[in-house]
Structures are given as structure tokens and as C-alpha cells.
Amino acid sequence: MLTANELKNYLINGLPCDHVEVSGDDGQHFEAVVVSPQFVGKSKVQQHQLVYQALGDRMRSEIHALAMRTFTPDAWAQSAIT
């Protein structure tokens, strides 16, 4: 069974990230916050595609559902201020 920490490590290893938070305790359903400079200039759909790409086949086999919030580093900094 996949853990939130393992999923976090997959994201960190597959995508340059400034910050990653992953939660989920049933091994199949997860929530993630991902902050990456790779997201700059990309739409939310494109950002999510980059996350899916980083996870590869795990999205088909190990992960049933992933709810995510993606941020550029600037947007993340702004969200901390507000």
C-alpha cells in the first residue's frame, strides 16, 4: 500500500519542487500541494499534467485519486501572505 510519504518522494524525484505536502491515509486517495518553478507560465491543466507525468504509471496502478493544488513559487508566497 502506498503511503503519503512515498507519494511525496515520487513527486520530489520526478519534478523540481520548492514545496510538497501530501496527505492521505487509505493508500489510494491522496491530496497534494505542489509548488514548482516548472509551473511558471503554465495553466492549471498544464501544471496538473506535469504532476501526472512525474507520477507516471503510478496514477494507473497505485493511486486511485489525487486531489491537488499547484502553485508557482510566487503564487505560493502570495498565498502565505493572504
C-alpha atoms as a PDB file:
ATOM      1  CA  MET A   1       0.000   0.000   0.000  1.00  0.00           C
ATOM      2  CA  LEU A   2       1.335   3.427  -0.985  1.00  0.00           C
ATOM      3  CA  THR A   3       1.936   5.944   1.790  1.00  0.00           C
ATOM      4  CA  ALA A   4       1.643   9.729   1.615  1.00  0.00           C
ATOM      5  CA  ASN A   5       5.381   9.980   2.282  1.00  0.00           C
ATOM      6  CA  GLU A   6       6.197   7.653  -0.629  1.00  0.00           C
ATOM      7  CA  LEU A   7       3.974   9.708  -2.927  1.00  0.00           C
ATOM      8  CA  LYS A   8       5.722  12.869  -1.747  1.00  0.00           C
ATOM      9  CA  ASN A   9       9.084  11.315  -2.593  1.00  0.00           C
ATOM     10  CA  TYR A  10       7.856  10.309  -6.064  1.00  0.00           C
ATOM     11  CA  LEU A  11       6.840  13.920  -6.696  1.00  0.00           C
ATOM     12  CA  ILE A  12      10.121  15.340  -5.399  1.00  0.00           C
ATOM     13  CA  ASN A  13      12.139  12.921  -7.529  1.00  0.00           C
ATOM     14  CA  GLY A  14      10.027  13.441 -10.653  1.00  0.00           C
ATOM     15  CA  LEU A  15       9.541  17.207 -10.655  1.00  0.00           C
ATOM     16  CA  PRO A  16      11.675  20.118  -9.426  1.00  0.00           C
ATOM     17  CA  CYS A  17       9.713  21.272  -6.365  1.00  0.00           C
ATOM     18  CA  ASP A  18      10.151  24.082  -3.878  1.00  0.00           C
ATOM     19  CA  HIS A  19       7.495  22.637  -1.571  1.00  0.00           C
ATOM     20  CA  VAL A  20       5.378  19.482  -1.452  1.00  0.00           C
ATOM     21  CA  GLU A  21       2.716  18.413   1.045  1.00  0.00           C
ATOM     22  CA  VAL A  22       0.865  15.120   0.677  1.00  0.00           C
ATOM     23  CA  SER A  23      -1.868  13.702   2.880  1.00  0.00           C
ATOM     24  CA  GLY A  24      -4.000  10.599   2.683  1.00  0.00           C
ATOM     25  CA  ASP A  25      -4.303   7.623   4.951  1.00  0.00           C
ATOM     26  CA  ASP A  26      -6.036   4.900   2.951  1.00  0.00           C
ATOM     27  CA  GLY A  27      -3.212   4.197   0.485  1.00  0.00           C
ATOM     28  CA  GLN A  28      -5.218   5.108  -2.622  1.00  0.00           C
ATOM     29  CA  HIS A  29      -6.765   8.563  -2.153  1.00  0.00           C
ATOM     30  CA  PHE A  30      -4.422  11.496  -1.672  1.00  0.00           C
ATOM     31  CA  GLU A  31      -4.345  15.278  -1.503  1.00  0.00           C
ATOM     32  CA  ALA A  32      -1.249  17.202  -2.528  1.00  0.00           C
ATOM     33  CA  VAL A  33       0.049  20.749  -2.567  1.00  0.00           C
ATOM     34  CA  VAL A  34       2.876  21.132  -5.082  1.00  0.00           C
ATOM     35  CA  VAL A  35       4.963  24.274  -5.593  1.00  0.00           C
ATOM     36  CA  SER A  36       7.296  24.172  -8.583  1.00  0.00           C
ATOM     37  CA  PRO A  37       9.155  26.670 -10.753  1.00  0.00           C
ATOM     38  CA  GLN A  38       8.191  24.394 -13.669  1.00  0.00           C
ATOM     39  CA  PHE A  39       4.629  25.739 -13.326  1.00  0.00           C
ATOM     40  CA  VAL A  40       5.552  29.302 -14.278  1.00  0.00           C
ATOM     41  CA  GLY A  41       3.668  30.379 -17.395  1.00  0.00           C
ATOM     42  CA  LYS A  42       1.529  27.238 -17.466  1.00  0.00           C
ATOM     43  CA  SER A  43      -2.226  26.876 -17.000  1.00  0.00           C
ATOM     44  CA  LYS A  44      -3.595  24.830 -14.091  1.00  0.00           C
ATOM     45  CA  VAL A  45      -4.319  21.991 -16.521  1.00  0.00           C
ATOM     46  CA  GLN A  46      -0.709  22.039 -17.747  1.00  0.00           C
ATOM     47  CA  GLN A  47       0.550  22.164 -14.150  1.00  0.00           C
ATOM     48  CA  HIS A  48      -1.538  19.117 -13.254  1.00  0.00           C
ATOM     49  CA  GLN A  49      -0.271  17.332 -16.361  1.00  0.00           C
ATOM     50  CA  LEU A  50       3.296  17.873 -15.145  1.00  0.00           C
ATOM     51  CA  VAL A  51       2.384  16.302 -11.797  1.00  0.00           C
ATOM     52  CA  TYR A  52       0.761  13.331 -13.536  1.00  0.00           C
ATOM     53  CA  GLN A  53       3.821  12.987 -15.753  1.00  0.00           C
ATOM     54  CA  ALA A  54       6.077  12.941 -12.678  1.00  0.00           C
ATOM     55  CA  LEU A  55       3.994  10.125 -11.198  1.00  0.00           C
ATOM     56  CA  GLY A  56       3.887   8.150 -14.433  1.00  0.00           C
ATOM     57  CA  ASP A  57       2.192   4.741 -14.336  1.00  0.00           C
ATOM     58  CA  ARG A  58       1.589   5.029 -10.605  1.00  0.00           C
ATOM     59  CA  MET A  59      -1.545   7.040 -11.441  1.00  0.00           C
ATOM     60  CA  ARG A  60      -2.957   3.956 -13.157  1.00  0.00           C
ATOM     61  CA  SER A  61      -1.816   1.321 -10.701  1.00  0.00           C
ATOM     62  CA  GLU A  62      -1.126   2.610  -7.181  1.00  0.00           C
ATOM     63  CA  ILE A  63      -3.083   5.860  -6.911  1.00  0.00           C
ATOM     64  CA  HIS A  64      -6.845   5.791  -7.267  1.00  0.00           C
ATOM     65  CA  ALA A  65      -7.422   9.521  -6.739  1.00  0.00           C
ATOM     66  CA  LEU A  66      -5.230  12.573  -6.333  1.00  0.00           C
ATOM     67  CA  ALA A  67      -6.684  15.959  -5.467  1.00  0.00           C
ATOM     68  CA  MET A  68      -4.048  18.613  -5.951  1.00  0.00           C
ATOM     69  CA  ARG A  69      -3.412  22.287  -5.612  1.00  0.00           C
ATOM     70  CA  THR A  70      -0.497  23.551  -7.677  1.00  0.00           C
ATOM     71  CA  PHE A  71       1.335  26.843  -7.286  1.00  0.00           C
ATOM     72  CA  THR A  72       4.231  28.704  -8.829  1.00  0.00           C
ATOM     73  CA  PRO A  73       6.728  29.877  -6.195  1.00  0.00           C
ATOM     74  CA  ASP A  74       5.382  33.460  -6.490  1.00  0.00           C
ATOM     75  CA  ALA A  75       1.760  32.360  -6.158  1.00  0.00           C
ATOM     76  CA  TRP A  76       2.705  30.224  -3.132  1.00  0.00           C
ATOM     77  CA  ALA A  77       4.432  33.180  -1.498  1.00  0.00           C
ATOM     78  CA  GLN A  78       1.366  35.321  -2.130  1.00  0.00           C
ATOM     79  CA  SER A  79      -0.954  32.675  -0.649  1.00  0.00           C
ATOM     80  CA  ALA A  80       1.087  32.734   2.563  1.00  0.00           C
ATOM     81  CA  ILE A  81       0.657  36.489   2.831  1.00  0.00           C
ATOM     82  CA  THR A  82      -3.130  36.492   2.392  1.00  0.00           C
END
